C-alpha cells in the first residue's frame, strides 16, 4: 500500500501578520512481504509567521518571517537499511525580504539565516546520512533583478 498527503494553510491574523503551516506524510508498505518500502520521507510540518513592515526609506514590501520545521524520526523503515533511521529534528529560520526601487523595476533582496541554532541533524532521505550530518547554520543574501 502506498498513500500520503500534503497540506497547507494560511491565515491573516492581523492586516500585517500572517501565519502559515504546511506539512506532508507518506505511508508505504510492501503488503506481500509485510515490510516498509525504502526511501520514504519522514513526517514533517513547517509553520511560521510573516510580519509585513512599513516602508523603511526607499525599501518597499518589507517582510520579516520566522519559521520552524519539525521532522519526526522515520519509524517505518525497511528491515534491510544500512543504518537505523536518524532521530527527528527541529530547525528554526529567520528571513528579511524587501524590494528596492531601481530604474523602472526593482531589486528584490532577502537576507536569511537557516538553522539559526546550528542544530546537528541527519535527513533520512539523504544517502550521505550514513557518513555525515547536514549543513549547519547558513546565512544567505539573495538579490533578484526584474527586467
N, C-alpha and C. Protein backbone atom coordinates (compact mmCIF):
# COMPACT_ATOMS: atom_id res chain seq x y z
N UNK A 1 0.83 -1.18 0.00
CA UNK A 1 0.00 0.00 0.00
C UNK A 1 0.88 1.25 0.00
N UNK A 2 0.40 2.23 -0.68
CA UNK A 2 1.14 3.49 -0.79
C UNK A 2 0.13 4.63 -0.77
N UNK A 3 0.26 5.53 0.20
CA UNK A 3 -0.60 6.70 0.24
C UNK A 3 0.10 7.81 1.01
N UNK A 4 -0.39 9.02 0.85
CA UNK A 4 0.19 10.15 1.54
C UNK A 4 -0.67 11.38 1.36
N UNK A 5 -0.25 12.43 2.01
CA UNK A 5 -0.97 13.69 1.88
C UNK A 5 -0.02 14.86 2.13
N UNK A 6 -0.29 15.94 1.45
CA UNK A 6 0.36 17.23 1.69
C UNK A 6 -0.74 18.17 2.14
N UNK A 7 -0.42 19.08 3.01
CA UNK A 7 -1.41 20.06 3.41
C UNK A 7 -0.74 21.41 3.62
N UNK A 8 -1.53 22.44 3.44
CA UNK A 8 -1.04 23.78 3.70
C UNK A 8 -2.22 24.67 4.10
N UNK A 9 -1.92 25.64 4.93
CA UNK A 9 -2.93 26.59 5.39
C UNK A 9 -2.25 27.92 5.62
N UNK A 10 -3.01 28.98 5.38
CA UNK A 10 -2.51 30.33 5.65
C UNK A 10 -3.65 31.13 6.22
N UNK A 11 -3.33 31.96 7.19
CA UNK A 11 -4.35 32.73 7.88
C UNK A 11 -3.80 34.11 8.21
N UNK A 12 -4.56 35.14 7.87
CA UNK A 12 -4.18 36.51 8.21
C UNK A 12 -4.66 36.79 9.64
N UNK A 13 -3.72 36.83 10.57
CA UNK A 13 -4.05 37.08 11.97
C UNK A 13 -4.43 38.55 12.14
N UNK A 14 -3.61 39.42 11.57
CA UNK A 14 -3.86 40.86 11.54
C UNK A 14 -3.61 41.32 10.11
N UNK A 15 -3.85 42.59 9.83
CA UNK A 15 -3.62 43.08 8.46
C UNK A 15 -2.16 42.98 8.05
N UNK A 16 -1.26 42.97 9.02
CA UNK A 16 0.17 42.91 8.70
C UNK A 16 0.87 41.66 9.26
N UNK A 17 0.10 40.67 9.70
CA UNK A 17 0.69 39.46 10.28
C UNK A 17 -0.02 38.22 9.75
N UNK A 18 0.73 37.36 9.09
CA UNK A 18 0.19 36.11 8.54
C UNK A 18 0.82 34.92 9.24
N UNK A 19 0.03 33.88 9.40
CA UNK A 19 0.51 32.60 9.93
C UNK A 19 0.33 31.57 8.83
N UNK A 20 1.28 30.65 8.70
CA UNK A 20 1.12 29.59 7.72
C UNK A 20 1.62 28.28 8.30
N UNK A 21 1.12 27.20 7.74
CA UNK A 21 1.57 25.86 8.11
C UNK A 21 1.48 24.99 6.87
N UNK A 22 2.42 24.10 6.74
CA UNK A 22 2.38 23.11 5.67
C UNK A 22 3.07 21.85 6.16
N UNK A 23 2.66 20.75 5.61
CA UNK A 23 3.24 19.50 6.06
C UNK A 23 3.00 18.39 5.06
N UNK A 24 3.60 17.24 5.37
CA UNK A 24 3.47 16.08 4.50
C UNK A 24 3.67 14.81 5.30
N UNK A 25 2.94 13.80 4.90
CA UNK A 25 3.20 12.46 5.43
C UNK A 25 2.93 11.45 4.33
N UNK A 26 3.73 10.39 4.35
CA UNK A 26 3.64 9.34 3.35
C UNK A 26 3.73 8.00 4.06
N UNK A 27 2.92 7.06 3.62
CA UNK A 27 2.96 5.69 4.15
C UNK A 27 3.15 4.75 2.97
N UNK A 28 4.09 3.82 3.10
CA UNK A 28 4.36 2.87 2.01
C UNK A 28 4.83 1.55 2.60
N UNK A 29 4.14 0.48 2.20
CA UNK A 29 4.48 -0.83 2.75
C UNK A 29 4.27 -1.90 1.67
N UNK A 30 5.22 -2.82 1.61
CA UNK A 30 5.08 -3.99 0.74
C UNK A 30 4.16 -4.95 1.48
N UNK A 31 2.93 -5.08 1.03
CA UNK A 31 1.93 -5.88 1.74
C UNK A 31 2.21 -7.38 1.64
N UNK A 32 2.85 -7.81 0.56
CA UNK A 32 3.16 -9.24 0.41
C UNK A 32 4.26 -9.68 1.37
N UNK A 33 5.29 -8.84 1.54
CA UNK A 33 6.41 -9.18 2.42
C UNK A 33 6.25 -8.59 3.82
N UNK A 34 5.19 -7.81 4.00
CA UNK A 34 4.92 -7.14 5.28
C UNK A 34 6.15 -6.37 5.76
N UNK A 35 6.70 -5.55 4.86
CA UNK A 35 7.90 -4.77 5.16
C UNK A 35 7.72 -3.37 4.58
N UNK A 36 8.25 -2.37 5.26
CA UNK A 36 8.15 -0.99 4.77
C UNK A 36 9.04 -0.79 3.55
N UNK A 37 8.63 0.08 2.67
CA UNK A 37 9.42 0.39 1.48
C UNK A 37 10.53 1.39 1.84
N UNK A 38 11.67 1.31 1.15
CA UNK A 38 12.78 2.23 1.44
C UNK A 38 12.55 3.61 0.83
N UNK A 39 13.34 4.57 1.30
CA UNK A 39 13.37 5.93 0.74
C UNK A 39 12.02 6.64 0.78
N UNK A 40 11.34 6.51 1.88
CA UNK A 40 10.08 7.21 2.10
C UNK A 40 10.34 8.29 3.14
N UNK A 41 10.01 9.55 2.85
CA UNK A 41 10.34 10.63 3.79
C UNK A 41 9.59 10.51 5.12
N UNK A 42 10.22 11.03 6.15
CA UNK A 42 9.61 11.08 7.49
C UNK A 42 8.54 12.17 7.50
N UNK A 43 7.62 12.06 8.43
CA UNK A 43 6.57 13.07 8.59
C UNK A 43 7.21 14.41 8.93
N UNK A 44 6.63 15.48 8.38
CA UNK A 44 7.18 16.82 8.62
C UNK A 44 6.08 17.86 8.61
N UNK A 45 6.31 18.89 9.41
CA UNK A 45 5.41 20.04 9.43
C UNK A 45 6.26 21.30 9.59
N UNK A 46 5.90 22.32 8.85
CA UNK A 46 6.57 23.62 8.93
C UNK A 46 5.51 24.66 9.25
N UNK A 47 5.81 25.55 10.15
CA UNK A 47 4.89 26.62 10.48
C UNK A 47 5.67 27.91 10.70
N UNK A 48 5.04 29.03 10.40
CA UNK A 48 5.75 30.28 10.54
C UNK A 48 4.85 31.49 10.59
N UNK A 49 5.46 32.61 10.90
CA UNK A 49 4.78 33.90 10.93
C UNK A 49 5.51 34.86 10.00
N UNK A 50 4.74 35.63 9.24
CA UNK A 50 5.30 36.68 8.39
C UNK A 50 4.71 38.01 8.82
N UNK A 51 5.60 38.93 9.17
CA UNK A 51 5.20 40.27 9.59
C UNK A 51 5.54 41.24 8.47
N UNK A 52 4.52 41.96 7.98
CA UNK A 52 4.71 42.94 6.91
C UNK A 52 5.01 44.29 7.55
N UNK A 53 6.25 44.77 7.33
CA UNK A 53 6.68 46.03 7.92
C UNK A 53 6.34 47.20 7.02
N UNK A 54 6.29 48.38 7.61
CA UNK A 54 6.07 49.59 6.83
C UNK A 54 7.30 49.88 5.99
N UNK A 55 7.15 50.77 5.01
CA UNK A 55 8.30 51.19 4.20
C UNK A 55 9.37 51.80 5.09
N UNK A 56 10.61 51.45 4.78
CA UNK A 56 11.76 51.99 5.51
C UNK A 56 12.59 52.76 4.49
N UNK A 57 12.48 54.08 4.48
CA UNK A 57 13.18 54.87 3.46
C UNK A 57 12.68 54.45 2.09
N UNK A 58 13.60 54.00 1.22
CA UNK A 58 13.20 53.56 -0.12
C UNK A 58 12.91 52.06 -0.18
N UNK A 59 13.00 51.37 0.93
CA UNK A 59 12.72 49.94 0.95
C UNK A 59 11.20 49.71 0.97
N UNK A 60 10.73 48.85 0.07
CA UNK A 60 9.30 48.57 -0.09
C UNK A 60 9.03 47.08 0.12
N UNK A 61 7.78 46.76 0.40
CA UNK A 61 7.34 45.36 0.55
C UNK A 61 8.23 44.60 1.54
N UNK A 62 8.48 45.21 2.68
CA UNK A 62 9.34 44.62 3.70
C UNK A 62 8.61 43.52 4.46
N UNK A 63 9.27 42.40 4.59
CA UNK A 63 8.68 41.26 5.30
C UNK A 63 9.73 40.60 6.18
N UNK A 64 9.31 40.26 7.38
CA UNK A 64 10.15 39.52 8.32
C UNK A 64 9.43 38.21 8.61
N UNK A 65 10.12 37.09 8.34
CA UNK A 65 9.50 35.77 8.52
C UNK A 65 10.34 34.93 9.47
N UNK A 66 9.67 34.30 10.40
CA UNK A 66 10.31 33.32 11.26
C UNK A 66 9.52 32.03 11.11
N UNK A 67 10.23 30.93 10.95
CA UNK A 67 9.53 29.66 10.80
C UNK A 67 10.31 28.53 11.46
N UNK A 68 9.61 27.46 11.70
CA UNK A 68 10.21 26.26 12.28
C UNK A 68 9.79 25.05 11.48
N UNK A 69 10.72 24.13 11.31
CA UNK A 69 10.47 22.87 10.62
C UNK A 69 10.67 21.74 11.62
N UNK A 70 9.66 20.93 11.78
CA UNK A 70 9.72 19.80 12.70
C UNK A 70 9.61 18.52 11.87
N UNK A 71 10.64 17.68 11.95
CA UNK A 71 10.68 16.42 11.20
C UNK A 71 10.81 15.29 12.20
N UNK A 72 9.92 14.32 12.10
CA UNK A 72 9.96 13.20 13.05
C UNK A 72 10.97 12.15 12.59
N UNK A 73 11.29 11.25 13.48
CA UNK A 73 12.12 10.11 13.12
C UNK A 73 11.29 9.21 12.21
N UNK A 74 11.91 8.60 11.22
CA UNK A 74 11.20 7.67 10.34
C UNK A 74 11.10 6.33 11.07
N UNK A 75 9.94 6.06 11.64
CA UNK A 75 9.74 4.81 12.38
C UNK A 75 9.32 3.67 11.46
N UNK A 76 9.00 3.98 10.23
CA UNK A 76 8.56 2.97 9.27
C UNK A 76 9.68 2.71 8.26
N UNK A 77 10.78 2.19 8.74
CA UNK A 77 11.92 1.92 7.88
C UNK A 77 11.98 0.43 7.53
N UNK A 78 12.53 0.10 6.38
CA UNK A 78 12.60 -1.31 5.99
C UNK A 78 13.61 -2.08 6.84
N UNK A 79 13.50 -3.40 6.81
CA UNK A 79 14.40 -4.25 7.60
C UNK A 79 15.83 -4.24 7.07
N UNK A 80 16.03 -3.87 5.81
CA UNK A 80 17.33 -4.03 5.16
C UNK A 80 18.12 -2.74 4.97
N UNK A 81 17.86 -1.71 5.77
CA UNK A 81 18.63 -0.46 5.63
C UNK A 81 20.02 -0.65 6.23
N UNK A 82 20.99 0.13 5.74
CA UNK A 82 22.38 0.02 6.21
C UNK A 82 22.56 0.49 7.64
N UNK A 83 21.76 1.45 8.05
CA UNK A 83 21.87 2.01 9.40
C UNK A 83 20.47 2.42 9.87
N UNK A 84 20.26 2.48 11.17
CA UNK A 84 18.95 2.90 11.66
C UNK A 84 18.62 4.33 11.23
N UNK A 85 17.35 4.62 11.15
CA UNK A 85 16.92 5.97 10.78
C UNK A 85 17.42 6.97 11.82
N UNK A 86 17.85 8.15 11.37
CA UNK A 86 18.30 9.17 12.33
C UNK A 86 17.13 9.70 13.14
N UNK A 87 17.45 10.31 14.27
CA UNK A 87 16.40 10.87 15.11
C UNK A 87 15.77 12.09 14.44
N UNK A 88 14.62 12.48 14.90
CA UNK A 88 13.94 13.65 14.38
C UNK A 88 14.67 14.93 14.75
N UNK A 89 14.23 16.04 14.19
CA UNK A 89 14.89 17.32 14.47
C UNK A 89 13.92 18.47 14.30
N UNK A 90 14.32 19.61 14.82
CA UNK A 90 13.53 20.84 14.76
C UNK A 90 14.48 21.97 14.38
N UNK A 91 14.23 22.64 13.25
CA UNK A 91 15.07 23.73 12.77
C UNK A 91 14.28 25.04 12.77
N UNK A 92 14.98 26.13 13.03
CA UNK A 92 14.39 27.46 13.01
C UNK A 92 15.10 28.31 11.97
N UNK A 93 14.32 29.12 11.23
CA UNK A 93 14.86 30.01 10.21
C UNK A 93 14.31 31.42 10.43
N UNK A 94 15.07 32.40 9.94
CA UNK A 94 14.67 33.81 10.01
C UNK A 94 15.02 34.44 8.68
N UNK A 95 14.11 35.25 8.12
CA UNK A 95 14.33 35.86 6.81
C UNK A 95 13.75 37.27 6.77
N UNK A 96 14.51 38.19 6.20
CA UNK A 96 14.02 39.54 5.93
C UNK A 96 14.09 39.76 4.43
N UNK A 97 12.98 40.19 3.83
CA UNK A 97 12.97 40.46 2.39
C UNK A 97 12.41 41.85 2.13
N UNK A 98 12.86 42.43 1.01
CA UNK A 98 12.43 43.77 0.65
C UNK A 98 12.57 43.98 -0.85
N UNK A 99 11.97 45.06 -1.34
CA UNK A 99 12.13 45.46 -2.74
C UNK A 99 12.70 46.87 -2.75
N UNK A 100 13.79 47.04 -3.48
CA UNK A 100 14.43 48.34 -3.60
C UNK A 100 14.15 48.86 -5.01
N UNK A 101 13.47 50.00 -5.13
CA UNK A 101 13.22 50.54 -6.48
C UNK A 101 14.54 50.80 -7.20
N UNK A 102 14.60 50.38 -8.47
CA UNK A 102 15.81 50.53 -9.26
C UNK A 102 15.39 50.66 -10.72
N UNK A 103 15.77 51.77 -11.36
CA UNK A 103 15.29 52.07 -12.71
C UNK A 103 13.77 52.00 -12.72
N UNK A 104 13.17 51.34 -13.67
CA UNK A 104 11.71 51.24 -13.71
C UNK A 104 11.21 49.99 -12.98
N UNK A 105 12.11 49.11 -12.59
CA UNK A 105 11.72 47.87 -11.92
C UNK A 105 12.16 47.92 -10.46
N UNK A 106 12.77 46.86 -10.00
CA UNK A 106 13.22 46.83 -8.62
C UNK A 106 14.14 45.66 -8.37
N UNK A 107 14.91 45.80 -7.31
CA UNK A 107 15.75 44.71 -6.83
C UNK A 107 15.02 44.05 -5.68
N UNK A 108 14.74 42.78 -5.82
CA UNK A 108 14.16 42.01 -4.73
C UNK A 108 15.31 41.37 -3.97
N UNK A 109 15.41 41.68 -2.71
CA UNK A 109 16.53 41.15 -1.92
C UNK A 109 16.00 40.45 -0.67
N UNK A 110 16.77 39.51 -0.20
CA UNK A 110 16.43 38.87 1.07
C UNK A 110 17.71 38.45 1.77
N UNK A 111 17.66 38.54 3.06
CA UNK A 111 18.74 38.10 3.92
C UNK A 111 18.14 37.07 4.87
N UNK A 112 18.69 35.85 4.83
CA UNK A 112 18.11 34.79 5.63
C UNK A 112 19.14 34.02 6.43
N UNK A 113 18.69 33.48 7.52
CA UNK A 113 19.51 32.59 8.34
C UNK A 113 18.72 31.30 8.52
N UNK A 114 19.25 30.22 7.97
CA UNK A 114 18.62 28.92 8.11
C UNK A 114 19.34 28.16 9.23
N UNK A 115 18.58 27.37 9.96
CA UNK A 115 19.12 26.59 11.07
C UNK A 115 19.83 27.54 12.07
N UNK A 116 19.09 28.51 12.54
CA UNK A 116 19.61 29.56 13.42
C UNK A 116 20.43 29.00 14.59
N UNK A 117 19.96 27.92 15.19
CA UNK A 117 20.60 27.38 16.40
C UNK A 117 21.67 26.35 16.07
N UNK A 118 22.02 26.24 14.78
CA UNK A 118 23.12 25.36 14.34
C UNK A 118 22.94 23.92 14.85
N UNK A 119 21.73 23.40 14.67
CA UNK A 119 21.40 22.04 15.11
C UNK A 119 22.12 21.02 14.24
N UNK A 120 22.68 20.02 14.85
CA UNK A 120 23.32 18.92 14.15
C UNK A 120 22.25 17.87 13.88
N UNK A 121 22.01 17.55 12.60
CA UNK A 121 20.95 16.60 12.27
C UNK A 121 21.28 15.86 10.98
N UNK A 122 20.56 14.77 10.78
CA UNK A 122 20.70 13.99 9.56
C UNK A 122 19.31 13.81 8.95
N UNK A 123 19.22 14.03 7.65
CA UNK A 123 17.97 13.88 6.91
C UNK A 123 17.86 12.44 6.43
N UNK A 124 16.76 11.77 6.76
CA UNK A 124 16.58 10.38 6.41
C UNK A 124 16.70 10.13 4.90
N UNK A 125 16.25 11.06 4.08
CA UNK A 125 16.25 10.88 2.62
C UNK A 125 17.62 11.12 1.97
N UNK A 126 18.57 11.65 2.70
CA UNK A 126 19.89 11.93 2.15
C UNK A 126 20.79 10.71 2.36
N UNK A 127 21.32 10.15 1.29
CA UNK A 127 22.17 8.97 1.42
C UNK A 127 23.50 9.26 2.12
N UNK A 128 23.89 10.52 2.17
CA UNK A 128 25.10 10.88 2.92
C UNK A 128 24.88 10.79 4.42
N UNK A 129 23.64 10.56 4.86
CA UNK A 129 23.37 10.45 6.29
C UNK A 129 24.16 9.32 6.94
N UNK A 130 24.57 8.35 6.15
CA UNK A 130 25.38 7.25 6.70
C UNK A 130 26.77 7.73 7.10
N UNK A 131 27.20 8.89 6.55
CA UNK A 131 28.57 9.36 6.75
C UNK A 131 28.68 10.71 7.45
N UNK A 132 27.72 11.61 7.23
CA UNK A 132 27.88 12.96 7.77
C UNK A 132 26.53 13.61 8.05
N UNK A 133 26.61 14.69 8.82
CA UNK A 133 25.42 15.48 9.13
C UNK A 133 25.11 16.45 7.99
N UNK A 134 23.91 17.03 8.05
CA UNK A 134 23.52 18.07 7.10
C UNK A 134 24.27 19.37 7.43
N UNK A 135 24.14 20.34 6.53
CA UNK A 135 24.79 21.63 6.74
C UNK A 135 24.23 22.29 8.00
N UNK A 136 25.08 22.97 8.72
CA UNK A 136 24.67 23.69 9.92
C UNK A 136 24.05 25.03 9.56
N UNK A 137 24.28 26.01 10.41
CA UNK A 137 23.74 27.35 10.17
C UNK A 137 24.20 27.85 8.81
N UNK A 138 23.28 28.48 8.08
CA UNK A 138 23.58 29.00 6.76
C UNK A 138 23.01 30.41 6.64
N UNK A 139 23.85 31.36 6.30
CA UNK A 139 23.42 32.75 6.10
C UNK A 139 23.50 33.04 4.62
N UNK A 140 22.40 33.54 4.05
CA UNK A 140 22.39 33.80 2.61
C UNK A 140 21.82 35.17 2.30
N UNK A 141 22.37 35.77 1.27
CA UNK A 141 21.88 37.04 0.73
C UNK A 141 21.48 36.76 -0.71
N UNK A 142 20.23 37.06 -1.05
CA UNK A 142 19.75 36.84 -2.41
C UNK A 142 19.33 38.18 -3.01
N UNK A 143 19.72 38.38 -4.25
CA UNK A 143 19.35 39.60 -4.97
C UNK A 143 18.80 39.18 -6.34
N UNK A 144 17.60 39.64 -6.65
CA UNK A 144 16.96 39.33 -7.93
C UNK A 144 16.55 40.62 -8.62
N UNK A 145 16.96 40.76 -9.86
CA UNK A 145 16.61 41.96 -10.64
C UNK A 145 15.58 41.59 -11.68
N UNK A 146 14.51 42.33 -11.73
CA UNK A 146 13.49 42.14 -12.76
C UNK A 146 13.76 43.07 -13.93
N UNK A 147 13.65 42.54 -15.13
CA UNK A 147 13.80 43.40 -16.31
C UNK A 147 12.84 42.98 -17.37
